[in-house]
Amino acid sequence: MRAFDYLISLMVFEVILSLLFGLCVIPIYVLLELIGRNAHASVLAFVEALKVPFYVVVLAGILSVSWVAHDAARRFAVGSDTFWKALTAALVQARFDASFVPVIGKWIGIRRPDTPSIDRPIE
């Protein structure tokens, strides 16, 4: 029965995360297409050059949506997490794992505060 619960929750998480990813990506694609159709030749070459990295980011986003959905479904079906708790835990784990990628790690990495906490004395 757990395998069935996992598969159902995986499909639900895939649909929800894919819709959220689509809501973020589609306006950028439409903007690139509109600029490309109404642009001069010099701007057109720049817009066409922007499409290749955009497609790479979209492919990486699709793969990461599947990865986060798998992690959230596993936490929801096997663990005792609620739907929202499993989703947020999977997103936090994905942010932590992505912080080890050299290029984007410094942008999304979890930073330590500069000031010490109240209950920890200064060493």
PDB file of N, CA and C in Angstrom:
ATOM      1  N   MET A   1       0.814  -1.194   0.000  1.00  0.00           N
ATOM      2  CA  MET A   1       0.000   0.000   0.000  1.00  0.00           C
ATOM      3  C   MET A   1       0.861   1.263   0.000  1.00  0.00           C
ATOM      4  N   ARG A   2       2.055   1.175   0.598  1.00  0.00           N
ATOM      5  CA  ARG A   2       2.909   2.360   0.623  1.00  0.00           C
ATOM      6  C   ARG A   2       3.395   2.731  -0.774  1.00  0.00           C
ATOM      7  N   ALA A   3       3.611   1.736  -1.611  1.00  0.00           N
ATOM      8  CA  ALA A   3       4.060   2.027  -2.971  1.00  0.00           C
ATOM      9  C   ALA A   3       2.985   2.783  -3.732  1.00  0.00           C
ATOM     10  N   PHE A   4       1.734   2.403  -3.540  1.00  0.00           N
ATOM     11  CA  PHE A   4       0.629   3.096  -4.194  1.00  0.00           C
ATOM     12  C   PHE A   4       0.513   4.522  -3.664  1.00  0.00           C
ATOM     13  N   ASP A   5       0.630   4.700  -2.348  1.00  0.00           N
ATOM     14  CA  ASP A   5       0.594   6.044  -1.762  1.00  0.00           C
ATOM     15  C   ASP A   5       1.728   6.907  -2.305  1.00  0.00           C
ATOM     16  N   TYR A   6       2.903   6.298  -2.443  1.00  0.00           N
ATOM     17  CA  TYR A   6       4.043   7.027  -2.969  1.00  0.00           C
ATOM     18  C   TYR A   6       3.792   7.480  -4.405  1.00  0.00           C
ATOM     19  N   LEU A   7       3.268   6.578  -5.245  1.00  0.00           N
ATOM     20  CA  LEU A   7       3.035   6.923  -6.644  1.00  0.00           C
ATOM     21  C   LEU A   7       1.985   8.020  -6.792  1.00  0.00           C
ATOM     22  N   ILE A   8       0.923   7.941  -6.009  1.00  0.00           N
ATOM     23  CA  ILE A   8      -0.113   8.974  -6.071  1.00  0.00           C
ATOM     24  C   ILE A   8       0.429  10.315  -5.602  1.00  0.00           C
ATOM     25  N   SER A   9       1.153  10.309  -4.487  1.00  0.00           N
ATOM     26  CA  SER A   9       1.698  11.574  -3.989  1.00  0.00           C
ATOM     27  C   SER A   9       2.778  12.111  -4.923  1.00  0.00           C
ATOM     28  N   LEU A  10       3.532  11.231  -5.587  1.00  0.00           N
ATOM     29  CA  LEU A  10       4.519  11.678  -6.561  1.00  0.00           C
ATOM     30  C   LEU A  10       3.844  12.390  -7.725  1.00  0.00           C
ATOM     31  N   MET A  11       2.745  11.835  -8.217  1.00  0.00           N
ATOM     32  CA  MET A  11       2.034  12.495  -9.309  1.00  0.00           C
ATOM     33  C   MET A  11       1.472  13.847  -8.880  1.00  0.00           C
ATOM     34  N   VAL A  12       0.946  13.923  -7.670  1.00  0.00           N
ATOM     35  CA  VAL A  12       0.393  15.186  -7.179  1.00  0.00           C
ATOM     36  C   VAL A  12       1.491  16.230  -7.031  1.00  0.00           C
ATOM     37  N   PHE A  13       2.614  15.850  -6.439  1.00  0.00           N
ATOM     38  CA  PHE A  13       3.720  16.791  -6.284  1.00  0.00           C
ATOM     39  C   PHE A  13       4.290  17.204  -7.642  1.00  0.00           C
ATOM     40  N   GLU A  14       4.375  16.272  -8.589  1.00  0.00           N
ATOM     41  CA  GLU A  14       4.866  16.605  -9.938  1.00  0.00           C
ATOM     42  C   GLU A  14       3.964  17.639 -10.600  1.00  0.00           C
ATOM     43  N   VAL A  15       2.662  17.442 -10.500  1.00  0.00           N
ATOM     44  CA  VAL A  15       1.731  18.377 -11.140  1.00  0.00           C
ATOM     45  C   VAL A  15       1.835  19.750 -10.496  1.00  0.00           C
ATOM     46  N   ILE A  16       1.836  19.808  -9.176  1.00  0.00           N
ATOM     47  CA  ILE A  16       1.877  21.097  -8.482  1.00  0.00           C
ATOM     48  C   ILE A  16       3.179  21.831  -8.777  1.00  0.00           C
ATOM     49  N   LEU A  17       4.309  21.147  -8.658  1.00  0.00           N
ATOM     50  CA  LEU A  17       5.595  21.806  -8.896  1.00  0.00           C
ATOM     51  C   LEU A  17       5.787  22.160 -10.372  1.00  0.00           C
ATOM     52  N   SER A  18       5.267  21.341 -11.273  1.00  0.00           N
ATOM     53  CA  SER A  18       5.372  21.669 -12.696  1.00  0.00           C
ATOM     54  C   SER A  18       4.540  22.898 -13.036  1.00  0.00           C
ATOM     55  N   LEU A  19       3.374  23.018 -12.441  1.00  0.00           N
ATOM     56  CA  LEU A  19       2.563  24.215 -12.667  1.00  0.00           C
ATOM     57  C   LEU A  19       3.248  25.468 -12.124  1.00  0.00           C
ATOM     58  N   LEU A  20       3.846  25.367 -10.951  1.00  0.00           N
ATOM     59  CA  LEU A  20       4.559  26.510 -10.399  1.00  0.00           C
ATOM     60  C   LEU A  20       5.763  26.880 -11.264  1.00  0.00           C
ATOM     61  N   PHE A  21       6.486  25.884 -11.742  1.00  0.00           N
ATOM     62  CA  PHE A  21       7.627  26.141 -12.612  1.00  0.00           C
ATOM     63  C   PHE A  21       7.169  26.753 -13.937  1.00  0.00           C
ATOM     64  N   GLY A  22       6.066  26.259 -14.457  1.00  0.00           N
ATOM     65  CA  GLY A  22       5.520  26.817 -15.691  1.00  0.00           C
ATOM     66  C   GLY A  22       5.072  28.255 -15.534  1.00  0.00           C
ATOM     67  N   LEU A  23       4.501  28.577 -14.386  1.00  0.00           N
ATOM     68  CA  LEU A  23       4.096  29.958 -14.140  1.00  0.00           C
ATOM     69  C   LEU A  23       5.288  30.898 -14.088  1.00  0.00           C
ATOM     70  N   CYS A  24       6.439  30.394 -13.725  1.00  0.00           N
ATOM     71  CA  CYS A  24       7.649  31.226 -13.687  1.00  0.00           C
ATOM     72  C   CYS A  24       8.323  31.311 -15.054  1.00  0.00           C
ATOM     73  N   VAL A  25       8.252  30.255 -15.851  1.00  0.00           N
ATOM     74  CA  VAL A  25       9.018  30.180 -17.090  1.00  0.00           C
ATOM     75  C   VAL A  25       8.254  30.741 -18.291  1.00  0.00           C
ATOM     76  N   ILE A  26       6.975  30.521 -18.366  1.00  0.00           N
ATOM     77  CA  ILE A  26       6.204  30.915 -19.549  1.00  0.00           C
ATOM     78  C   ILE A  26       6.246  32.416 -19.805  1.00  0.00           C
ATOM     79  N   PRO A  27       6.112  33.291 -18.801  1.00  0.00           N
ATOM     80  CA  PRO A  27       6.211  34.726 -19.113  1.00  0.00           C
ATOM     81  C   PRO A  27       7.573  35.137 -19.680  1.00  0.00           C
ATOM     82  N   ILE A  28       8.635  34.511 -19.225  1.00  0.00           N
ATOM     83  CA  ILE A  28       9.963  34.838 -19.757  1.00  0.00           C
ATOM     84  C   ILE A  28      10.072  34.383 -21.212  1.00  0.00           C
ATOM     85  N   TYR A  29       9.535  33.207 -21.514  1.00  0.00           N
ATOM     86  CA  TYR A  29       9.565  32.709 -22.891  1.00  0.00           C
ATOM     87  C   TYR A  29       8.737  33.606 -23.809  1.00  0.00           C
ATOM     88  N   VAL A  30       7.560  34.006 -23.360  1.00  0.00           N
ATOM     89  CA  VAL A  30       6.699  34.884 -24.168  1.00  0.00           C
ATOM     90  C   VAL A  30       7.395  36.226 -24.398  1.00  0.00           C
ATOM     91  N   LEU A  31       8.040  36.756 -23.379  1.00  0.00           N
ATOM     92  CA  LEU A  31       8.764  38.021 -23.514  1.00  0.00           C
ATOM     93  C   LEU A  31       9.904  37.902 -24.526  1.00  0.00           C
ATOM     94  N   LEU A  32      10.653  36.805 -24.455  1.00  0.00           N
ATOM     95  CA  LEU A  32      11.730  36.602 -25.428  1.00  0.00           C
ATOM     96  C   LEU A  32      11.187  36.477 -26.853  1.00  0.00           C
ATOM     97  N   GLU A  33      10.072  35.800 -27.016  1.00  0.00           N
ATOM     98  CA  GLU A  33       9.480  35.653 -28.345  1.00  0.00           C
ATOM     99  C   GLU A  33       8.941  36.980 -28.862  1.00  0.00           C
ATOM    100  N   LEU A  34       8.297  37.761 -28.006  1.00  0.00           N
ATOM    101  CA  LEU A  34       7.772  39.056 -28.443  1.00  0.00           C
ATOM    102  C   LEU A  34       8.893  40.018 -28.813  1.00  0.00           C
ATOM    103  N   ILE A  35       9.947  40.027 -28.038  1.00  0.00           N
ATOM    104  CA  ILE A  35      11.086  40.885 -28.363  1.00  0.00           C
ATOM    105  C   ILE A  35      11.747  40.414 -29.655  1.00  0.00           C
ATOM    106  N   GLY A  36      11.840  39.099 -29.819  1.00  0.00           N
ATOM    107  CA  GLY A  36      12.457  38.551 -31.026  1.00  0.00           C
ATOM    108  C   GLY A  36      11.673  38.851 -32.287  1.00  0.00           C
ATOM    109  N   ARG A  37      10.374  38.906 -32.208  1.00  0.00           N
ATOM    110  CA  ARG A  37       9.551  39.174 -33.397  1.00  0.00           C
ATOM    111  C   ARG A  37       9.549  40.644 -33.787  1.00  0.00           C
ATOM    112  N   ASN A  38       9.699  41.534 -32.827  1.00  0.00           N
ATOM    113  CA  ASN A  38       9.588  42.962 -33.100  1.00  0.00           C
ATOM    114  C   ASN A  38      10.923  43.690 -32.978  1.00  0.00           C
ATOM    115  N   ALA A  39      12.028  42.993 -33.121  1.00  0.00           N
ATOM    116  CA  ALA A  39      13.329  43.597 -32.876  1.00  0.00           C
ATOM    117  C   ALA A  39      14.085  43.838 -34.174  1.00  0.00           C
ATOM    118  N   HIS A  40      15.058  44.733 -34.098  1.00  0.00           N
ATOM    119  CA  HIS A  40      15.969  44.974 -35.210  1.00  0.00           C
ATOM    120  C   HIS A  40      16.978  43.824 -35.272  1.00  0.00           C
ATOM    121  N   ALA A  41      17.802  43.833 -36.277  1.00  0.00           N
ATOM    122  CA  ALA A  41      18.734  42.726 -36.488  1.00  0.00           C
ATOM    123  C   ALA A  41      19.760  42.606 -35.368  1.00  0.00           C
ATOM    124  N   SER A  42      20.222  43.743 -34.836  1.00  0.00           N
ATOM    125  CA  SER A  42      21.229  43.675 -33.773  1.00  0.00           C
ATOM    126  C   SER A  42      20.641  43.114 -32.481  1.00  0.00           C
ATOM    127  N   VAL A  43      19.415  43.497 -32.165  1.00  0.00           N
ATOM    128  CA  VAL A  43      18.763  42.989 -30.958  1.00  0.00           C
ATOM    129  C   VAL A  43      18.321  41.549 -31.159  1.00  0.00           C
ATOM    130  N   LEU A  44      17.967  41.188 -32.368  1.00  0.00           N
ATOM    131  CA  LEU A  44      17.526  39.832 -32.667  1.00  0.00           C
ATOM    132  C   LEU A  44      18.633  38.814 -32.408  1.00  0.00           C
ATOM    133  N   ALA A  45      19.864  39.162 -32.759  1.00  0.00           N
ATOM    134  CA  ALA A  45      20.985  38.257 -32.499  1.00  0.00           C
ATOM    135  C   ALA A  45      21.199  38.078 -30.997  1.00  0.00           C
ATOM    136  N   PHE A  46      21.019  39.140 -30.235  1.00  0.00           N
ATOM    137  CA  PHE A  46      21.151  39.054 -28.777  1.00  0.00           C
ATOM    138  C   PHE A  46      20.047  38.199 -28.168  1.00  0.00           C
ATOM    139  N   VAL A  47      18.826  38.362 -28.643  1.00  0.00           N
ATOM    140  CA  VAL A  47      17.703  37.572 -28.125  1.00  0.00           C
ATOM    141  C   VAL A  47      17.883  36.099 -28.474  1.00  0.00           C
ATOM    142  N   GLU A  48      18.343  35.816 -29.672  1.00  0.00           N
ATOM    143  CA  GLU A  48      18.591  34.424 -30.059  1.00  0.00           C
ATOM    144  C   GLU A  48      19.715  33.826 -29.218  1.00  0.00           C
ATOM    145  N   ALA A  49      20.703  34.628 -28.856  1.00  0.00           N
ATOM    146  CA  ALA A  49      21.783  34.133 -27.999  1.00  0.00           C
ATOM    147  C   ALA A  49      21.294  33.886 -26.578  1.00  0.00           C
ATOM    148  N   LEU A  50      20.269  34.612 -26.142  1.00  0.00           N
ATOM    149  CA  LEU A  50      19.709  34.390 -24.810  1.00  0.00           C
ATOM    150  C   LEU A  50      18.846  33.132 -24.732  1.00  0.00           C
ATOM    151  N   LYS A  51      18.347  32.676 -25.857  1.00  0.00           N
ATOM    152  CA  LYS A  51      17.457  31.518 -25.840  1.00  0.00           C
ATOM    153  C   LYS A  51      18.176  30.226 -25.473  1.00  0.00           C
ATOM    154  N   VAL A  52      19.429  30.083 -25.864  1.00  0.00           N
ATOM    155  CA  VAL A  52      20.160  28.852 -25.569  1.00  0.00           C
ATOM    156  C   VAL A  52      20.361  28.667 -24.063  1.00  0.00           C
ATOM    157  N   PRO A  53      20.858  29.673 -23.321  1.00  0.00           N
ATOM    158  CA  PRO A  53      20.945  29.484 -21.867  1.00  0.00           C
ATOM    159  C   PRO A  53      19.570  29.326 -21.219  1.00  0.00           C
ATOM    160  N   PHE A  54      18.564  29.974 -21.796  1.00  0.00           N
ATOM    161  CA  PHE A  54      17.214  29.833 -21.260  1.00  0.00           C
ATOM    162  C   PHE A  54      16.736  28.393 -21.380  1.00  0.00           C
ATOM    163  N   TYR A  55      16.998  27.758 -22.521  1.00  0.00           N
ATOM    164  CA  TYR A  55      16.599  26.361 -22.701  1.00  0.00           C
ATOM    165  C   TYR A  55      17.365  25.429 -21.769  1.00  0.00           C
ATOM    166  N   VAL A  56      18.619  25.734 -21.513  1.00  0.00           N
ATOM    167  CA  VAL A  56      19.409  24.925 -20.571  1.00  0.00           C
ATOM    168  C   VAL A  56      18.834  25.059 -19.158  1.00  0.00           C
ATOM    169  N   VAL A  57      18.466  26.273 -18.781  1.00  0.00           N
ATOM    170  CA  VAL A  57      17.876  26.491 -17.456  1.00  0.00           C
ATOM    171  C   VAL A  57      16.519  25.800 -17.355  1.00  0.00           C
ATOM    172  N   VAL A  58      15.735  25.815 -18.415  1.00  0.00           N
ATOM    173  CA  VAL A  58      14.436  25.129 -18.404  1.00  0.00           C
ATOM    174  C   VAL A  58      14.624  23.626 -18.262  1.00  0.00           C
ATOM    175  N   LEU A  59      15.591  23.059 -18.960  1.00  0.00           N
ATOM    176  CA  LEU A  59      15.856  21.625 -18.833  1.00  0.00           C
ATOM    177  C   LEU A  59      16.309  21.278 -17.416  1.00  0.00           C
ATOM    178  N   ALA A  60      17.196  22.089 -16.856  1.00  0.00           N
ATOM    179  CA  ALA A  60      17.623  21.861 -15.473  1.00  0.00           C
ATOM    180  C   ALA A  60      16.458  22.031 -14.507  1.00  0.00           C
ATOM    181  N   GLY A  61      15.572  22.959 -14.789  1.00  0.00           N
ATOM    182  CA  GLY A  61      14.401  23.155 -13.941  1.00  0.00           C
ATOM    183  C   GLY A  61      13.443  21.980 -13.983  1.00  0.00           C
ATOM    184  N   ILE A  62      13.256  21.407 -15.157  1.00  0.00           N
ATOM    185  CA  ILE A  62      12.381  20.240 -15.272  1.00  0.00           C
ATOM    186  C   ILE A  62      12.955  19.063 -14.494  1.00  0.00           C
ATOM    187  N   LEU A  63      14.260  18.863 -14.615  1.00  0.00           N
ATOM    188  CA  LEU A  63      14.890  17.775 -13.865  1.00  0.00           C
ATOM    189  C   LEU A  63      14.834  18.029 -12.360  1.00  0.00           C
ATOM    190  N   SER A  64      15.021  19.273 -11.945  1.00  0.00           N
ATOM    191  CA  SER A  64      14.978  19.561 -10.510  1.00  0.00           C
ATOM    192  C   SER A  64      13.563  19.475  -9.957  1.00  0.00           C
ATOM    193  N   VAL A  65      12.554  19.792 -10.761  1.00  0.00           N
ATOM    194  CA  VAL A  65      11.164  19.626 -10.315  1.00  0.00           C
ATOM    195  C   VAL A  65      10.879  18.154 -10.054  1.00  0.00           C
ATOM    196  N   SER A  66      11.362  17.290 -10.927  1.00  0.00           N
ATOM    197  CA  SER A  66      11.168  15.849 -10.720  1.00  0.00           C
ATOM    198  C   SER A  66      11.895  15.365  -9.473  1.00  0.00           C
ATOM    199  N   TRP A  67      13.084  15.887  -9.244  1.00  0.00           N
ATOM    200  CA  TRP A  67      13.867  15.496  -8.079  1.00  0.00           C
ATOM    201  C   TRP A  67      13.204  15.956  -6.780  1.00  0.00           C
ATOM    202  N   VAL A  68      12.749  17.186  -6.739  1.00  0.00           N
ATOM    203  CA  VAL A  68      12.085  17.709  -5.541  1.00  0.00           C
ATOM    204  C   VAL A  68      10.752  16.988  -5.317  1.00  0.00           C
ATOM    205  N   ALA A  69      10.023  16.691  -6.397  1.00  0.00           N
ATOM    206  CA  ALA A  69       8.761  15.969  -6.256  1.00  0.00           C
ATOM    207  C   ALA A  69       8.989  14.565  -5.704  1.00  0.00           C
ATOM    208  N   HIS A  70      10.037  13.899  -6.148  1.00  0.00           N
ATOM    209  CA  HIS A  70      10.365  12.573  -5.619  1.00  0.00           C
ATOM    210  C   HIS A  70      10.682  12.658  -4.128  1.00  0.00           C
ATOM    211  N   ASP A  71      11.478  13.634  -3.738  1.00  0.00           N
ATOM    212  CA  ASP A  71      11.855  13.776  -2.328  1.00  0.00           C
ATOM    213  C   ASP A  71      10.630  14.116  -1.465  1.00  0.00           C
ATOM    214  N   ALA A  72       9.787  15.003  -1.958  1.00  0.00           N
ATOM    215  CA  ALA A  72       8.589  15.372  -1.195  1.00  0.00           C
ATOM    216  C   ALA A  72       7.617  14.200  -1.091  1.00  0.00           C
ATOM    217  N   ALA A  73       7.464  13.440  -2.178  1.00  0.00           N
ATOM    218  CA  ALA A  73       6.567  12.287  -2.145  1.00  0.00           C
ATOM    219  C   ALA A  73       7.075  11.220  -1.189  1.00  0.00           C
ATOM    220  N   ARG A  74       8.389  11.033  -1.172  1.00  0.00           N
ATOM    221  CA  ARG A  74       8.963  10.064  -0.238  1.00  0.00           C
ATOM    222  C   ARG A  74       8.734  10.499   1.205  1.00  0.00           C
ATOM    223  N   ARG A  75       8.923  11.768   1.483  1.00  0.00           N
ATOM    224  CA  ARG A  75       8.700  12.267   2.843  1.00  0.00           C
ATOM    225  C   ARG A  75       7.230  12.172   3.235  1.00  0.00           C
ATOM    226  N   PHE A  76       6.347  12.380   2.271  1.00  0.00           N
ATOM    227  CA  PHE A  76       4.910  12.355   2.549  1.00  0.00           C
ATOM    228  C   PHE A  76       4.386  10.933   2.708  1.00  0.00           C
ATOM    229  N   ALA A  77       4.818  10.016   1.827  1.00  0.00           N
ATOM    230  CA  ALA A  77       4.268   8.657   1.845  1.00  0.00           C
ATOM    231  C   ALA A  77       4.940   7.780   2.889  1.00  0.00           C
ATOM    232  N   VAL A  78       6.249   7.837   2.982  1.00  0.00           N
ATOM    233  CA  VAL A  78       6.968   6.952   3.891  1.00  0.00           C
ATOM    234  C   VAL A  78       7.078   7.566   5.279  1.00  0.00           C
ATOM    235  N   GLY A  79       7.402   8.844   5.335  1.00  0.00           N
ATOM    236  CA  GLY A  79       7.508   9.522   6.620  1.00  0.00           C
ATOM    237  C   GLY A  79       6.131   9.918   7.140  1.00  0.00           C
ATOM    238  N   SER A  80       6.147  10.612   8.222  1.00  0.00           N
ATOM    239  CA  SER A  80       4.860  11.037   8.799  1.00  0.00           C
ATOM    240  C   SER A  80       4.641  12.526   8.611  1.00  0.00           C
ATOM    241  N   ASP A  81       5.244  13.104   7.575  1.00  0.00           N
ATOM    242  CA  ASP A  81       5.092  14.533   7.323  1.00  0.00           C
ATOM    243  C   ASP A  81       3.755  14.829   6.668  1.00  0.00           C
ATOM    244  N   THR A  82       3.266  16.031   6.926  1.00  0.00           N
ATOM    245  CA  THR A  82       2.061  16.487   6.222  1.00  0.00           C
ATOM    246  C   THR A  82       2.458  16.925   4.818  1.00  0.00           C
ATOM    247  N   PHE A  83       1.465  17.277   4.019  1.00  0.00           N
ATOM    248  CA  PHE A  83       1.720  17.663   2.633  1.00  0.00           C
ATOM    249  C   PHE A  83       2.614  18.895   2.571  1.00  0.00           C
ATOM    250  N   TRP A  84       2.253  19.935   3.297  1.00  0.00           N
ATOM    251  CA  TRP A  84       3.009  21.183   3.257  1.00  0.00           C
ATOM    252  C   TRP A  84       4.397  21.012   3.883  1.00  0.00           C
ATOM    253  N   LYS A  85       4.476  20.259   4.967  1.00  0.00           N
ATOM    254  CA  LYS A  85       5.761  20.039   5.628  1.00  0.00           C
ATOM    255  C   LYS A  85       6.707  19.246   4.734  1.00  0.00           C
ATOM    256  N   ALA A  86       6.190  18.256   4.020  1.00  0.00           N
ATOM    257  CA  ALA A  86       7.017  17.472   3.105  1.00  0.00           C
ATOM    258  C   ALA A  86       7.507  18.335   1.945  1.00  0.00           C
ATOM    259  N   LEU A  87       6.648  19.198   1.436  1.00  0.00           N
ATOM    260  CA  LEU A  87       7.037  20.058   0.326  1.00  0.00           C
ATOM    261  C   LEU A  87       8.105  21.062   0.747  1.00  0.00           C
ATOM    262  N   THR A  88       7.924  21.704   1.884  1.00  0.00           N
ATOM    263  CA  THR A  88       8.915  22.680   2.341  1.00  0.00           C
ATOM    264  C   THR A  88      10.233  21.997   2.709  1.00  0.00           C
ATOM    265  N   ALA A  89      10.171  20.835   3.322  1.00  0.00           N
ATOM    266  CA  ALA A  89      11.407  20.117   3.655  1.00  0.00           C
ATOM    267  C   ALA A  89      12.153  19.702   2.394  1.00  0.00           C
ATOM    268  N   ALA A  90      11.434  19.295   1.367  1.00  0.00           N
ATOM    269  CA  ALA A  90      12.088  18.920   0.106  1.00  0.00           C
ATOM    270  C   ALA A  90      12.712  20.135  -0.571  1.00  0.00           C
ATOM    271  N   LEU A  91      12.053  21.277  -0.516  1.00  0.00           N
ATOM    272  CA  LEU A  91      12.613  22.489  -1.111  1.00  0.00           C
ATOM    273  C   LEU A  91      13.836  22.983  -0.347  1.00  0.00           C
ATOM    274  N   VAL A  92      13.800  22.878   0.987  1.00  0.00           N
ATOM    275  CA  VAL A  92      14.962  23.262   1.788  1.00  0.00           C
ATOM    276  C   VAL A  92      16.131  22.324   1.498  1.00  0.00           C
ATOM    277  N   GLN A  93      15.859  21.035   1.369  1.00  0.00           N
ATOM    278  CA  GLN A  93      16.911  20.073   1.045  1.00  0.00           C
ATOM    279  C   GLN A  93      17.489  20.343  -0.343  1.00  0.00           C
ATOM    280  N   ALA A  94      16.635  20.695  -1.303  1.00  0.00           N
ATOM    281  CA  ALA A  94      17.122  21.011  -2.648  1.00  0.00           C
ATOM    282  C   ALA A  94      17.980  22.268  -2.632  1.00  0.00           C
ATOM    283  N   ARG A  95      17.586  23.256  -1.841  1.00  0.00           N
ATOM    284  CA  ARG A  95      18.409  24.472  -1.727  1.00  0.00           C
ATOM    285  C   ARG A  95      19.764  24.150  -1.099  1.00  0.00           C
ATOM    286  N   PHE A  96      19.759  23.306  -0.097  1.00  0.00           N
ATOM    287  CA  PHE A  96      21.016  22.912   0.546  1.00  0.00           C
ATOM    288  C   PHE A  96      21.909  22.150  -0.424  1.00  0.00           C
ATOM    289  N   ASP A  97      21.333  21.211  -1.167  1.00  0.00           N
ATOM    290  CA  ASP A  97      22.129  20.436  -2.123  1.00  0.00           C
ATOM    291  C   ASP A  97      22.646  21.313  -3.261  1.00  0.00           C
ATOM    292  N   ALA A  98      21.839  22.258  -3.713  1.00  0.00           N
ATOM    293  CA  ALA A  98      22.263  23.136  -4.798  1.00  0.00           C
ATOM    294  C   ALA A  98      23.314  24.136  -4.343  1.00  0.00           C
ATOM    295  N   SER A  99      23.438  24.353  -3.057  1.00  0.00           N
ATOM    296  CA  SER A  99      24.439  25.300  -2.573  1.00  0.00           C
ATOM    297  C   SER A  99      25.859  24.766  -2.752  1.00  0.00           C
ATOM    298  N   PHE A 100      26.013  23.483  -3.045  1.00  0.00           N
ATOM    299  CA  PHE A 100      27.333  22.915  -3.283  1.00  0.00           C
ATOM    300  C   PHE A 100      27.765  23.010  -4.748  1.00  0.00           C
ATOM    301  N   VAL A 101      26.885  23.473  -5.626  1.00  0.00           N
ATOM    302  CA  VAL A 101      27.253  23.683  -7.025  1.00  0.00           C
ATOM    303  C   VAL A 101      28.104  24.947  -7.081  1.00  0.00           C
ATOM    304  N   PRO A 102      29.285  24.889  -7.687  1.00  0.00           N
ATOM    305  CA  PRO A 102      30.210  26.029  -7.599  1.00  0.00           C
ATOM    306  C   PRO A 102      29.673  27.346  -8.141  1.00  0.00           C
ATOM    307  N   VAL A 103      28.940  27.343  -9.224  1.00  0.00           N
ATOM    308  CA  VAL A 103      28.520  28.601  -9.835  1.00  0.00           C
ATOM    309  C   VAL A 103      27.389  29.260  -9.067  1.00  0.00           C
ATOM    310  N   ILE A 104      26.387  28.486  -8.689  1.00  0.00           N
ATOM    311  CA  ILE A 104      25.222  29.075  -8.043  1.00  0.00           C
ATOM    312  C   ILE A 104      25.226  28.920  -6.532  1.00  0.00           C
ATOM    313  N   GLY A 105      26.201  28.243  -5.999  1.00  0.00           N
ATOM    314  CA  GLY A 105      26.237  27.996  -4.562  1.00  0.00           C
ATOM    315  C   GLY A 105      26.331  29.248  -3.725  1.00  0.00           C
ATOM    316  N   LYS A 106      27.088  30.245  -4.201  1.00  0.00           N
ATOM    317  CA  LYS A 106      27.229  31.459  -3.413  1.00  0.00           C
ATOM    318  C   LYS A 106      25.988  32.330  -3.474  1.00  0.00           C
ATOM    319  N   TRP A 107      25.122  32.132  -4.457  1.00  0.00           N
ATOM    320  CA  TRP A 107      23.897  32.919  -4.551  1.00  0.00           C
ATOM    321  C   TRP A 107      22.794  32.377  -3.655  1.00  0.00           C
ATOM    322  N   ILE A 108      22.656  31.059  -3.596  1.00  0.00           N
ATOM    323  CA  ILE A 108      21.535  30.487  -2.853  1.00  0.00           C
ATOM    324  C   ILE A 108      21.961  29.755  -1.599  1.00  0.00           C
ATOM    325  N   GLY A 109      23.247  29.798  -1.274  1.00  0.00           N
ATOM    326  CA  GLY A 109      23.730  29.096  -0.093  1.00  0.00           C
ATOM    327  C   GLY A 109      23.149  29.677   1.190  1.00  0.00           C
ATOM    328  N   ILE A 110      23.090  28.844   2.190  1.00  0.00           N
ATOM    329  CA  ILE A 110      22.582  29.274   3.483  1.00  0.00           C
ATOM    330  C   ILE A 110      23.716  29.971   4.218  1.00  0.00           C
ATOM    331  N   ARG A 111      23.491  31.222   4.569  1.00  0.00           N
ATOM    332  CA  ARG A 111      24.534  32.019   5.205  1.00  0.00           C
ATOM    333  C   ARG A 111      24.355  32.035   6.711  1.00  0.00           C
ATOM    334  N   ARG A 112      25.468  32.069   7.391  1.00  0.00           N
ATOM    335  CA  ARG A 112      25.436  32.194   8.845  1.00  0.00           C
ATOM    336  C   ARG A 112      25.349  33.668   9.197  1.00  0.00           C
ATOM    337  N   PRO A 113      24.631  34.023  10.234  1.00  0.00           N
ATOM    338  CA  PRO A 113      24.571  35.435  10.615  1.00  0.00           C
ATOM    339  C   PRO A 113      25.921  35.916  11.143  1.00  0.00           C
ATOM    340  N   ASP A 114      26.210  37.191  10.911  1.00  0.00           N
ATOM    341  CA  ASP A 114      27.486  37.760  11.349  1.00  0.00           C
ATOM    342  C   ASP A 114      27.538  37.955  12.854  1.00  0.00           C
ATOM    343  N   THR A 115      26.401  38.229  13.445  1.00  0.00           N
ATOM    344  CA  THR A 115      26.367  38.459  14.887  1.00  0.00           C
ATOM    345  C   THR A 115      26.053  37.156  15.615  1.00  0.00           C
ATOM    346  N   PRO A 116      26.632  36.942  16.769  1.00  0.00           N
ATOM    347  CA  PRO A 116      26.325  35.727  17.518  1.00  0.00           C
ATOM    348  C   PRO A 116      24.896  35.786  18.083  1.00  0.00           C
ATOM    349  N   SER A 117      24.327  34.620  18.309  1.00  0.00           N
ATOM    350  CA  SER A 117      22.986  34.578  18.863  1.00  0.00           C
ATOM    351  C   SER A 117      23.000  34.991  20.338  1.00  0.00           C
ATOM    352  N   ILE A 118      21.840  35.282  20.858  1.00  0.00           N
ATOM    353  CA  ILE A 118      21.735  35.781  22.239  1.00  0.00           C
ATOM    354  C   ILE A 118      22.173  34.744  23.255  1.00  0.00           C
ATOM    355  N   ASP A 119      21.793  33.495  23.034  1.00  0.00           N
ATOM    356  CA  ASP A 119      22.088  32.458  24.030  1.00  0.00           C
ATOM    357  C   ASP A 119      23.479  31.844  23.853  1.00  0.00           C
ATOM    358  N   ARG A 120      24.271  32.333  22.895  1.00  0.00           N
ATOM    359  CA  ARG A 120      25.628  31.830  22.715  1.00  0.00           C
ATOM    360  C   ARG A 120      26.612  32.959  22.968  1.00  0.00           C
ATOM    361  N   PRO A 121      27.491  32.815  23.924  1.00  0.00           N
ATOM    362  CA  PRO A 121      28.411  33.913  24.226  1.00  0.00           C
ATOM    363  C   PRO A 121      29.465  34.099  23.137  1.00  0.00           C
ATOM    364  N   ILE A 122      30.035  35.274  23.109  1.00  0.00           N
ATOM    365  CA  ILE A 122      31.096  35.572  22.161  1.00  0.00           C
ATOM    366  C   ILE A 122      32.370  34.870  22.612  1.00  0.00           C
ATOM    367  N   GLU A 123      32.998  34.186  21.695  1.00  0.00           N
ATOM    368  CA  GLU A 123      34.191  33.397  22.044  1.00  0.00           C
ATOM    369  C   GLU A 123      35.449  34.184  21.844  1.00  0.00           C
TER     370      GLU A 123
END
